[in-house]
Amino acid sequence: MKTRVAVVSIIVENRDSVEKLNRLLFEYGDYIIGRMGIPYREKKVNLISIAVDAPEDVINALTGKLGRLDGVGAKTNYSNIITEQKEG
């Protein structure tokens, strides 16, 4: 299975979507390398950066699901690093 290293940038403008967002991140937790969240209280927005190592279709699915949440924007930046990982 080929995987890619990427960073998913998330902007949360609707706090009501945070529970669903966290549920999704838990669901994809096996692929998450690290997470950084910054609450920008002055602007009432949260900025989250997720580092992942996963098959490209998994990363695309996660980004798409995040972006469909109300008041949540998500974009992915892929590295050129592609690795072959054994399944199992």
PDB file of N, CA and C in Angstrom:
ATOM      1  N   MET A   1       0.846  -1.162   0.000  1.00  0.00           N
ATOM      2  CA  MET A   1       0.000   0.000   0.000  1.00  0.00           C
ATOM      3  C   MET A   1       0.903   1.241   0.000  1.00  0.00           C
ATOM      4  N   LYS A   2       0.672   2.149  -0.934  1.00  0.00           N
ATOM      5  CA  LYS A   2       1.449   3.384  -1.013  1.00  0.00           C
ATOM      6  C   LYS A   2       0.766   4.466  -0.188  1.00  0.00           C
ATOM      7  N   THR A   3       1.576   5.189   0.586  1.00  0.00           N
ATOM      8  CA  THR A   3       1.043   6.280   1.391  1.00  0.00           C
ATOM      9  C   THR A   3       1.772   7.570   1.059  1.00  0.00           C
ATOM     10  N   ARG A   4       1.125   8.684   1.397  1.00  0.00           N
ATOM     11  CA  ARG A   4       1.716  10.001   1.190  1.00  0.00           C
ATOM     12  C   ARG A   4       1.702  10.759   2.500  1.00  0.00           C
ATOM     13  N   VAL A   5       2.671  11.621   2.640  1.00  0.00           N
ATOM     14  CA  VAL A   5       2.729  12.505   3.792  1.00  0.00           C
ATOM     15  C   VAL A   5       2.091  13.828   3.372  1.00  0.00           C
ATOM     16  N   ALA A   6       1.200  14.345   4.216  1.00  0.00           N
ATOM     17  CA  ALA A   6       0.493  15.573   3.877  1.00  0.00           C
ATOM     18  C   ALA A   6       0.128  16.334   5.145  1.00  0.00           C
ATOM     19  N   VAL A   7      -0.245  17.594   4.948  1.00  0.00           N
ATOM     20  CA  VAL A   7      -0.755  18.424   6.030  1.00  0.00           C
ATOM     21  C   VAL A   7      -2.147  18.886   5.636  1.00  0.00           C
ATOM     22  N   VAL A   8      -3.109  18.669   6.525  1.00  0.00           N
ATOM     23  CA  VAL A   8      -4.470  19.141   6.307  1.00  0.00           C
ATOM     24  C   VAL A   8      -4.661  20.381   7.172  1.00  0.00           C
ATOM     25  N   SER A   9      -4.977  21.493   6.532  1.00  0.00           N
ATOM     26  CA  SER A   9      -5.237  22.744   7.237  1.00  0.00           C
ATOM     27  C   SER A   9      -6.743  22.909   7.387  1.00  0.00           C
ATOM     28  N   ILE A  10      -7.177  23.179   8.602  1.00  0.00           N
ATOM     29  CA  ILE A  10      -8.607  23.264   8.907  1.00  0.00           C
ATOM     30  C   ILE A  10      -8.892  24.604   9.577  1.00  0.00           C
ATOM     31  N   ILE A  11      -9.920  25.288   9.088  1.00  0.00           N
ATOM     32  CA  ILE A  11     -10.391  26.516   9.728  1.00  0.00           C
ATOM     33  C   ILE A  11     -11.822  26.276  10.187  1.00  0.00           C
ATOM     34  N   VAL A  12     -12.044  26.435  11.490  1.00  0.00           N
ATOM     35  CA  VAL A  12     -13.364  26.202  12.075  1.00  0.00           C
ATOM     36  C   VAL A  12     -13.979  27.546  12.444  1.00  0.00           C
ATOM     37  N   GLU A  13     -15.056  27.887  11.769  1.00  0.00           N
ATOM     38  CA  GLU A  13     -15.771  29.136  12.047  1.00  0.00           C
ATOM     39  C   GLU A  13     -17.074  28.889  12.802  1.00  0.00           C
ATOM     40  N   ASN A  14     -17.524  27.647  12.861  1.00  0.00           N
ATOM     41  CA  ASN A  14     -18.765  27.292  13.549  1.00  0.00           C
ATOM     42  C   ASN A  14     -18.447  26.288  14.652  1.00  0.00           C
ATOM     43  N   ARG A  15     -18.478  26.765  15.882  1.00  0.00           N
ATOM     44  CA  ARG A  15     -18.143  25.896  17.023  1.00  0.00           C
ATOM     45  C   ARG A  15     -19.092  24.709  17.160  1.00  0.00           C
ATOM     46  N   ASP A  16     -20.288  24.818  16.615  1.00  0.00           N
ATOM     47  CA  ASP A  16     -21.246  23.717  16.686  1.00  0.00           C
ATOM     48  C   ASP A  16     -20.773  22.488  15.916  1.00  0.00           C
ATOM     49  N   SER A  17     -19.787  22.652  15.035  1.00  0.00           N
ATOM     50  CA  SER A  17     -19.274  21.535  14.240  1.00  0.00           C
ATOM     51  C   SER A  17     -18.070  20.847  14.877  1.00  0.00           C
ATOM     52  N   VAL A  18     -17.606  21.348  16.012  1.00  0.00           N
ATOM     53  CA  VAL A  18     -16.386  20.817  16.629  1.00  0.00           C
ATOM     54  C   VAL A  18     -16.538  19.356  17.042  1.00  0.00           C
ATOM     55  N   GLU A  19     -17.683  18.977  17.580  1.00  0.00           N
ATOM     56  CA  GLU A  19     -17.874  17.589  18.012  1.00  0.00           C
ATOM     57  C   GLU A  19     -17.781  16.633  16.823  1.00  0.00           C
ATOM     58  N   LYS A  20     -18.421  16.981  15.711  1.00  0.00           N
ATOM     59  CA  LYS A  20     -18.354  16.140  14.512  1.00  0.00           C
ATOM     60  C   LYS A  20     -16.934  16.111  13.958  1.00  0.00           C
ATOM     61  N   LEU A  21     -16.249  17.245  13.995  1.00  0.00           N
ATOM     62  CA  LEU A  21     -14.865  17.313  13.516  1.00  0.00           C
ATOM     63  C   LEU A  21     -13.978  16.386  14.346  1.00  0.00           C
ATOM     64  N   ASN A  22     -14.096  16.455  15.661  1.00  0.00           N
ATOM     65  CA  ASN A  22     -13.280  15.596  16.523  1.00  0.00           C
ATOM     66  C   ASN A  22     -13.596  14.123  16.328  1.00  0.00           C
ATOM     67  N   ARG A  23     -14.856  13.802  16.058  1.00  0.00           N
ATOM     68  CA  ARG A  23     -15.241  12.414  15.780  1.00  0.00           C
ATOM     69  C   ARG A  23     -14.544  11.912  14.516  1.00  0.00           C
ATOM     70  N   LEU A  24     -14.515  12.763  13.482  1.00  0.00           N
ATOM     71  CA  LEU A  24     -13.836  12.388  12.235  1.00  0.00           C
ATOM     72  C   LEU A  24     -12.337  12.187  12.465  1.00  0.00           C
ATOM     73  N   LEU A  25     -11.714  13.083  13.205  1.00  0.00           N
ATOM     74  CA  LEU A  25     -10.286  12.950  13.468  1.00  0.00           C
ATOM     75  C   LEU A  25      -9.986  11.682  14.264  1.00  0.00           C
ATOM     76  N   PHE A  26     -10.865  11.324  15.191  1.00  0.00           N
ATOM     77  CA  PHE A  26     -10.702  10.073  15.928  1.00  0.00           C
ATOM     78  C   PHE A  26     -10.813   8.876  14.983  1.00  0.00           C
ATOM     79  N   GLU A  27     -11.780   8.939  14.072  1.00  0.00           N
ATOM     80  CA  GLU A  27     -11.999   7.860  13.104  1.00  0.00           C
ATOM     81  C   GLU A  27     -10.762   7.633  12.230  1.00  0.00           C
ATOM     82  N   TYR A  28     -10.059   8.708  11.887  1.00  0.00           N
ATOM     83  CA  TYR A  28      -8.876   8.625  11.033  1.00  0.00           C
ATOM     84  C   TYR A  28      -7.578   8.659  11.847  1.00  0.00           C
ATOM     85  N   GLY A  29      -7.680   8.442  13.145  1.00  0.00           N
ATOM     86  CA  GLY A  29      -6.553   8.563  14.057  1.00  0.00           C
ATOM     87  C   GLY A  29      -5.346   7.705  13.725  1.00  0.00           C
ATOM     88  N   ASP A  30      -5.556   6.542  13.121  1.00  0.00           N
ATOM     89  CA  ASP A  30      -4.428   5.668  12.776  1.00  0.00           C
ATOM     90  C   ASP A  30      -3.492   6.308  11.753  1.00  0.00           C
ATOM     91  N   TYR A  31      -3.978   7.288  11.014  1.00  0.00           N
ATOM     92  CA  TYR A  31      -3.185   7.936   9.972  1.00  0.00           C
ATOM     93  C   TYR A  31      -2.580   9.264  10.420  1.00  0.00           C
ATOM     94  N   ILE A  32      -3.008   9.763  11.569  1.00  0.00           N
ATOM     95  CA  ILE A  32      -2.571  11.081  12.015  1.00  0.00           C
ATOM     96  C   ILE A  32      -1.226  10.977  12.729  1.00  0.00           C
ATOM     97  N   ILE A  33      -0.260  11.759  12.243  1.00  0.00           N
ATOM     98  CA  ILE A  33       1.071  11.817  12.850  1.00  0.00           C
ATOM     99  C   ILE A  33       1.056  12.799  14.013  1.00  0.00           C
ATOM    100  N   GLY A  34       0.399  13.938  13.816  1.00  0.00           N
ATOM    101  CA  GLY A  34       0.343  14.963  14.853  1.00  0.00           C
ATOM    102  C   GLY A  34      -0.721  15.991  14.538  1.00  0.00           C
ATOM    103  N   ARG A  35      -1.059  16.769  15.570  1.00  0.00           N
ATOM    104  CA  ARG A  35      -2.131  17.754  15.439  1.00  0.00           C
ATOM    105  C   ARG A  35      -1.761  18.989  16.246  1.00  0.00           C
ATOM    106  N   MET A  36      -2.020  20.160  15.657  1.00  0.00           N
ATOM    107  CA  MET A  36      -1.806  21.406  16.367  1.00  0.00           C
ATOM    108  C   MET A  36      -3.051  22.267  16.192  1.00  0.00           C
ATOM    109  N   GLY A  37      -3.578  22.765  17.293  1.00  0.00           N
ATOM    110  CA  GLY A  37      -4.754  23.618  17.223  1.00  0.00           C
ATOM    111  C   GLY A  37      -4.467  24.971  17.846  1.00  0.00           C
ATOM    112  N   ILE A  38      -4.944  26.015  17.204  1.00  0.00           N
ATOM    113  CA  ILE A  38      -4.750  27.371  17.699  1.00  0.00           C
ATOM    114  C   ILE A  38      -6.104  28.067  17.757  1.00  0.00           C
ATOM    115  N   PRO A  39      -6.590  28.351  18.959  1.00  0.00           N
ATOM    116  CA  PRO A  39      -7.832  29.126  19.058  1.00  0.00           C
ATOM    117  C   PRO A  39      -7.511  30.606  18.879  1.00  0.00           C
ATOM    118  N   TYR A  40      -8.148  31.239  17.927  1.00  0.00           N
ATOM    119  CA  TYR A  40      -7.958  32.669  17.680  1.00  0.00           C
ATOM    120  C   TYR A  40      -9.206  33.362  18.201  1.00  0.00           C
ATOM    121  N   ARG A  41      -9.230  33.579  19.479  1.00  0.00           N
ATOM    122  CA  ARG A  41     -10.421  34.059  20.173  1.00  0.00           C
ATOM    123  C   ARG A  41     -10.906  35.410  19.674  1.00  0.00           C
ATOM    124  N   GLU A  42      -9.985  36.320  19.333  1.00  0.00           N
ATOM    125  CA  GLU A  42     -10.373  37.646  18.842  1.00  0.00           C
ATOM    126  C   GLU A  42     -11.278  37.565  17.622  1.00  0.00           C
ATOM    127  N   LYS A  43     -11.006  36.591  16.754  1.00  0.00           N
ATOM    128  CA  LYS A  43     -11.769  36.443  15.510  1.00  0.00           C
ATOM    129  C   LYS A  43     -12.823  35.346  15.604  1.00  0.00           C
ATOM    130  N   LYS A  44     -12.898  34.677  16.778  1.00  0.00           N
ATOM    131  CA  LYS A  44     -13.851  33.580  16.995  1.00  0.00           C
ATOM    132  C   LYS A  44     -13.703  32.485  15.936  1.00  0.00           C
ATOM    133  N   VAL A  45     -12.451  32.079  15.725  1.00  0.00           N
ATOM    134  CA  VAL A  45     -12.140  31.040  14.754  1.00  0.00           C
ATOM    135  C   VAL A  45     -11.052  30.140  15.354  1.00  0.00           C
ATOM    136  N   ASN A  46     -11.038  28.883  14.955  1.00  0.00           N
ATOM    137  CA  ASN A  46     -10.010  27.938  15.389  1.00  0.00           C
ATOM    138  C   ASN A  46      -9.249  27.451  14.166  1.00  0.00           C
ATOM    139  N   LEU A  47      -7.933  27.414  14.294  1.00  0.00           N
ATOM    140  CA  LEU A  47      -7.061  26.953  13.213  1.00  0.00           C
ATOM    141  C   LEU A  47      -6.428  25.644  13.657  1.00  0.00           C
ATOM    142  N   ILE A  48      -6.551  24.623  12.823  1.00  0.00           N
ATOM    143  CA  ILE A  48      -6.035  23.297  13.156  1.00  0.00           C
ATOM    144  C   ILE A  48      -5.186  22.800  11.998  1.00  0.00           C
ATOM    145  N   SER A  49      -4.047  22.223  12.345  1.00  0.00           N
ATOM    146  CA  SER A  49      -3.165  21.631  11.349  1.00  0.00           C
ATOM    147  C   SER A  49      -2.964  20.162  11.718  1.00  0.00           C
ATOM    148  N   ILE A  50      -3.223  19.276  10.755  1.00  0.00           N
ATOM    149  CA  ILE A  50      -3.104  17.831  10.974  1.00  0.00           C
ATOM    150  C   ILE A  50      -2.053  17.269  10.021  1.00  0.00           C
ATOM    151  N   ALA A  51      -1.015  16.639  10.570  1.00  0.00           N
ATOM    152  CA  ALA A  51      -0.021  15.947   9.749  1.00  0.00           C
ATOM    153  C   ALA A  51      -0.457  14.490   9.614  1.00  0.00           C
ATOM    154  N   VAL A  52      -0.499  13.984   8.377  1.00  0.00           N
ATOM    155  CA  VAL A  52      -0.964  12.613   8.126  1.00  0.00           C
ATOM    156  C   VAL A  52       0.008  11.847   7.230  1.00  0.00           C
ATOM    157  N   ASP A  53      -0.023  10.549   7.360  1.00  0.00           N
ATOM    158  CA  ASP A  53       0.687   9.628   6.478  1.00  0.00           C
ATOM    159  C   ASP A  53      -0.323   8.536   6.142  1.00  0.00           C
ATOM    160  N   ALA A  54      -0.872   8.599   4.928  1.00  0.00           N
ATOM    161  CA  ALA A  54      -1.983   7.710   4.574  1.00  0.00           C
ATOM    162  C   ALA A  54      -2.061   7.565   3.059  1.00  0.00           C
ATOM    163  N   PRO A  55      -2.814   6.565   2.583  1.00  0.00           N
ATOM    164  CA  PRO A  55      -3.080   6.488   1.152  1.00  0.00           C
ATOM    165  C   PRO A  55      -3.799   7.763   0.702  1.00  0.00           C
ATOM    166  N   GLU A  56      -3.515   8.181  -0.507  1.00  0.00           N
ATOM    167  CA  GLU A  56      -4.076   9.438  -1.009  1.00  0.00           C
ATOM    168  C   GLU A  56      -5.600   9.455  -0.965  1.00  0.00           C
ATOM    169  N   ASP A  57      -6.236   8.328  -1.265  1.00  0.00           N
ATOM    170  CA  ASP A  57      -7.705   8.313  -1.240  1.00  0.00           C
ATOM    171  C   ASP A  57      -8.246   8.496   0.176  1.00  0.00           C
ATOM    172  N   VAL A  58      -7.522   8.021   1.180  1.00  0.00           N
ATOM    173  CA  VAL A  58      -7.934   8.205   2.576  1.00  0.00           C
ATOM    174  C   VAL A  58      -7.812   9.679   2.966  1.00  0.00           C
ATOM    175  N   ILE A  59      -6.710  10.311   2.560  1.00  0.00           N
ATOM    176  CA  ILE A  59      -6.521  11.734   2.851  1.00  0.00           C
ATOM    177  C   ILE A  59      -7.605  12.560   2.171  1.00  0.00           C
ATOM    178  N   ASN A  60      -7.897  12.248   0.918  1.00  0.00           N
ATOM    179  CA  ASN A  60      -8.940  12.974   0.186  1.00  0.00           C
ATOM    180  C   ASN A  60     -10.314  12.790   0.841  1.00  0.00           C
ATOM    181  N   ALA A  61     -10.592  11.575   1.314  1.00  0.00           N
ATOM    182  CA  ALA A  61     -11.876  11.312   1.977  1.00  0.00           C
ATOM    183  C   ALA A  61     -11.989  12.124   3.261  1.00  0.00           C
ATOM    184  N   LEU A  62     -10.931  12.145   4.056  1.00  0.00           N
ATOM    185  CA  LEU A  62     -10.939  12.914   5.292  1.00  0.00           C
ATOM    186  C   LEU A  62     -11.138  14.402   5.006  1.00  0.00           C
ATOM    187  N   THR A  63     -10.370  14.939   4.068  1.00  0.00           N
ATOM    188  CA  THR A  63     -10.479  16.355   3.733  1.00  0.00           C
ATOM    189  C   THR A  63     -11.880  16.690   3.232  1.00  0.00           C
ATOM    190  N   GLY A  64     -12.458  15.837   2.402  1.00  0.00           N
ATOM    191  CA  GLY A  64     -13.802  16.061   1.881  1.00  0.00           C
ATOM    192  C   GLY A  64     -14.847  16.058   2.976  1.00  0.00           C
ATOM    193  N   LYS A  65     -14.746  15.087   3.899  1.00  0.00           N
ATOM    194  CA  LYS A  65     -15.709  15.007   5.005  1.00  0.00           C
ATOM    195  C   LYS A  65     -15.598  16.221   5.916  1.00  0.00           C
ATOM    196  N   LEU A  66     -14.366  16.660   6.178  1.00  0.00           N
ATOM    197  CA  LEU A  66     -14.168  17.847   7.009  1.00  0.00           C
ATOM    198  C   LEU A  66     -14.772  19.075   6.336  1.00  0.00           C
ATOM    199  N   GLY A  67     -14.538  19.220   5.053  1.00  0.00           N
ATOM    200  CA  GLY A  67     -15.022  20.380   4.318  1.00  0.00           C
ATOM    201  C   GLY A  67     -16.529  20.441   4.183  1.00  0.00           C
ATOM    202  N   ARG A  68     -17.198  19.311   4.358  1.00  0.00           N
ATOM    203  CA  ARG A  68     -18.662  19.297   4.280  1.00  0.00           C
ATOM    204  C   ARG A  68     -19.330  19.659   5.610  1.00  0.00           C
ATOM    205  N   LEU A  69     -18.535  19.772   6.671  1.00  0.00           N
ATOM    206  CA  LEU A  69     -19.108  20.193   7.949  1.00  0.00           C
ATOM    207  C   LEU A  69     -19.446  21.680   7.879  1.00  0.00           C
ATOM    208  N   ASP A  70     -20.542  22.064   8.523  1.00  0.00           N
ATOM    209  CA  ASP A  70     -20.993  23.452   8.501  1.00  0.00           C
ATOM    210  C   ASP A  70     -19.964  24.368   9.168  1.00  0.00           C
ATOM    211  N   GLY A  71     -19.512  25.383   8.442  1.00  0.00           N
ATOM    212  CA  GLY A  71     -18.575  26.350   8.997  1.00  0.00           C
ATOM    213  C   GLY A  71     -17.158  25.848   9.134  1.00  0.00           C
ATOM    214  N   VAL A  72     -16.806  24.800   8.395  1.00  0.00           N
ATOM    215  CA  VAL A  72     -15.458  24.236   8.444  1.00  0.00           C
ATOM    216  C   VAL A  72     -14.877  24.228   7.038  1.00  0.00           C
ATOM    217  N   GLY A  73     -13.661  24.734   6.898  1.00  0.00           N
ATOM    218  CA  GLY A  73     -12.941  24.678   5.628  1.00  0.00           C
ATOM    219  C   GLY A  73     -11.712  23.810   5.804  1.00  0.00           C
ATOM    220  N   ALA A  74     -11.379  23.014   4.795  1.00  0.00           N
ATOM    221  CA  ALA A  74     -10.217  22.128   4.881  1.00  0.00           C
ATOM    222  C   ALA A  74      -9.515  22.062   3.529  1.00  0.00           C
ATOM    223  N   LYS A  75      -8.206  22.160   3.568  1.00  0.00           N
ATOM    224  CA  LYS A  75      -7.368  22.052   2.371  1.00  0.00           C
ATOM    225  C   LYS A  75      -6.176  21.171   2.714  1.00  0.00           C
ATOM    226  N   THR A  76      -5.671  20.449   1.706  1.00  0.00           N
ATOM    227  CA  THR A  76      -4.550  19.548   1.916  1.00  0.00           C
ATOM    228  C   THR A  76      -3.362  19.975   1.073  1.00  0.00           C
ATOM    229  N   ASN A  77      -2.190  19.903   1.685  1.00  0.00           N
ATOM    230  CA  ASN A  77      -0.940  20.160   0.998  1.00  0.00           C
ATOM    231  C   ASN A  77      -0.105  18.873   1.072  1.00  0.00           C
ATOM    232  N   TYR A  78       0.172  18.281  -0.092  1.00  0.00           N
ATOM    233  CA  TYR A  78       0.891  17.007  -0.150  1.00  0.00           C
ATOM    234  C   TYR A  78       2.388  17.217  -0.301  1.00  0.00           C
ATOM    235  N   SER A  79       3.160  16.374   0.377  1.00  0.00           N
ATOM    236  CA  SER A  79       4.595  16.349   0.145  1.00  0.00           C
ATOM    237  C   SER A  79       4.856  15.438  -1.051  1.00  0.00           C
ATOM    238  N   ASN A  80       6.071  15.422  -1.519  1.00  0.00           N
ATOM    239  CA  ASN A  80       6.451  14.516  -2.612  1.00  0.00           C
ATOM    240  C   ASN A  80       6.858  13.152  -2.087  1.00  0.00           C
ATOM    241  N   ILE A  81       6.777  12.955  -0.793  1.00  0.00           N
ATOM    242  CA  ILE A  81       7.192  11.688  -0.176  1.00  0.00           C
ATOM    243  C   ILE A  81       6.082  10.654  -0.332  1.00  0.00           C
ATOM    244  N   ILE A  82       6.404   9.578  -1.019  1.00  0.00           N
ATOM    245  CA  ILE A  82       5.494   8.442  -1.182  1.00  0.00           C
ATOM    246  C   ILE A  82       6.225   7.221  -0.667  1.00  0.00           C
ATOM    247  N   THR A  83       5.609   6.505   0.243  1.00  0.00           N
ATOM    248  CA  THR A  83       6.242   5.322   0.803  1.00  0.00           C
ATOM    249  C   THR A  83       5.386   4.093   0.588  1.00  0.00           C
ATOM    250  N   GLU A  84       6.022   2.980   0.570  1.00  0.00           N
ATOM    251  CA  GLU A  84       5.341   1.688   0.450  1.00  0.00           C
ATOM    252  C   GLU A  84       5.278   1.085   1.830  1.00  0.00           C
ATOM    253  N   GLN A  85       4.074   0.866   2.355  1.00  0.00           N
ATOM    254  CA  GLN A  85       3.913   0.265   3.661  1.00  0.00           C
ATOM    255  C   GLN A  85       3.247  -1.089   3.532  1.00  0.00           C
ATOM    256  N   LYS A  86       3.750  -2.029   4.314  1.00  0.00           N
ATOM    257  CA  LYS A  86       3.153  -3.359   4.320  1.00  0.00           C
ATOM    258  C   LYS A  86       1.829  -3.339   5.059  1.00  0.00           C
ATOM    259  N   GLU A  87       0.856  -4.051   4.522  1.00  0.00           N
ATOM    260  CA  GLU A  87      -0.439  -4.154   5.196  1.00  0.00           C
ATOM    261  C   GLU A  87      -0.344  -5.200   6.286  1.00  0.00           C
ATOM    262  N   GLY A  88      -1.118  -4.963   7.336  1.00  0.00           N
ATOM    263  CA  GLY A  88      -1.172  -5.975   8.384  1.00  0.00           C
ATOM    264  C   GLY A  88      -0.638  -5.500   9.615  1.00  0.00           C
TER     265      GLY A  88
END
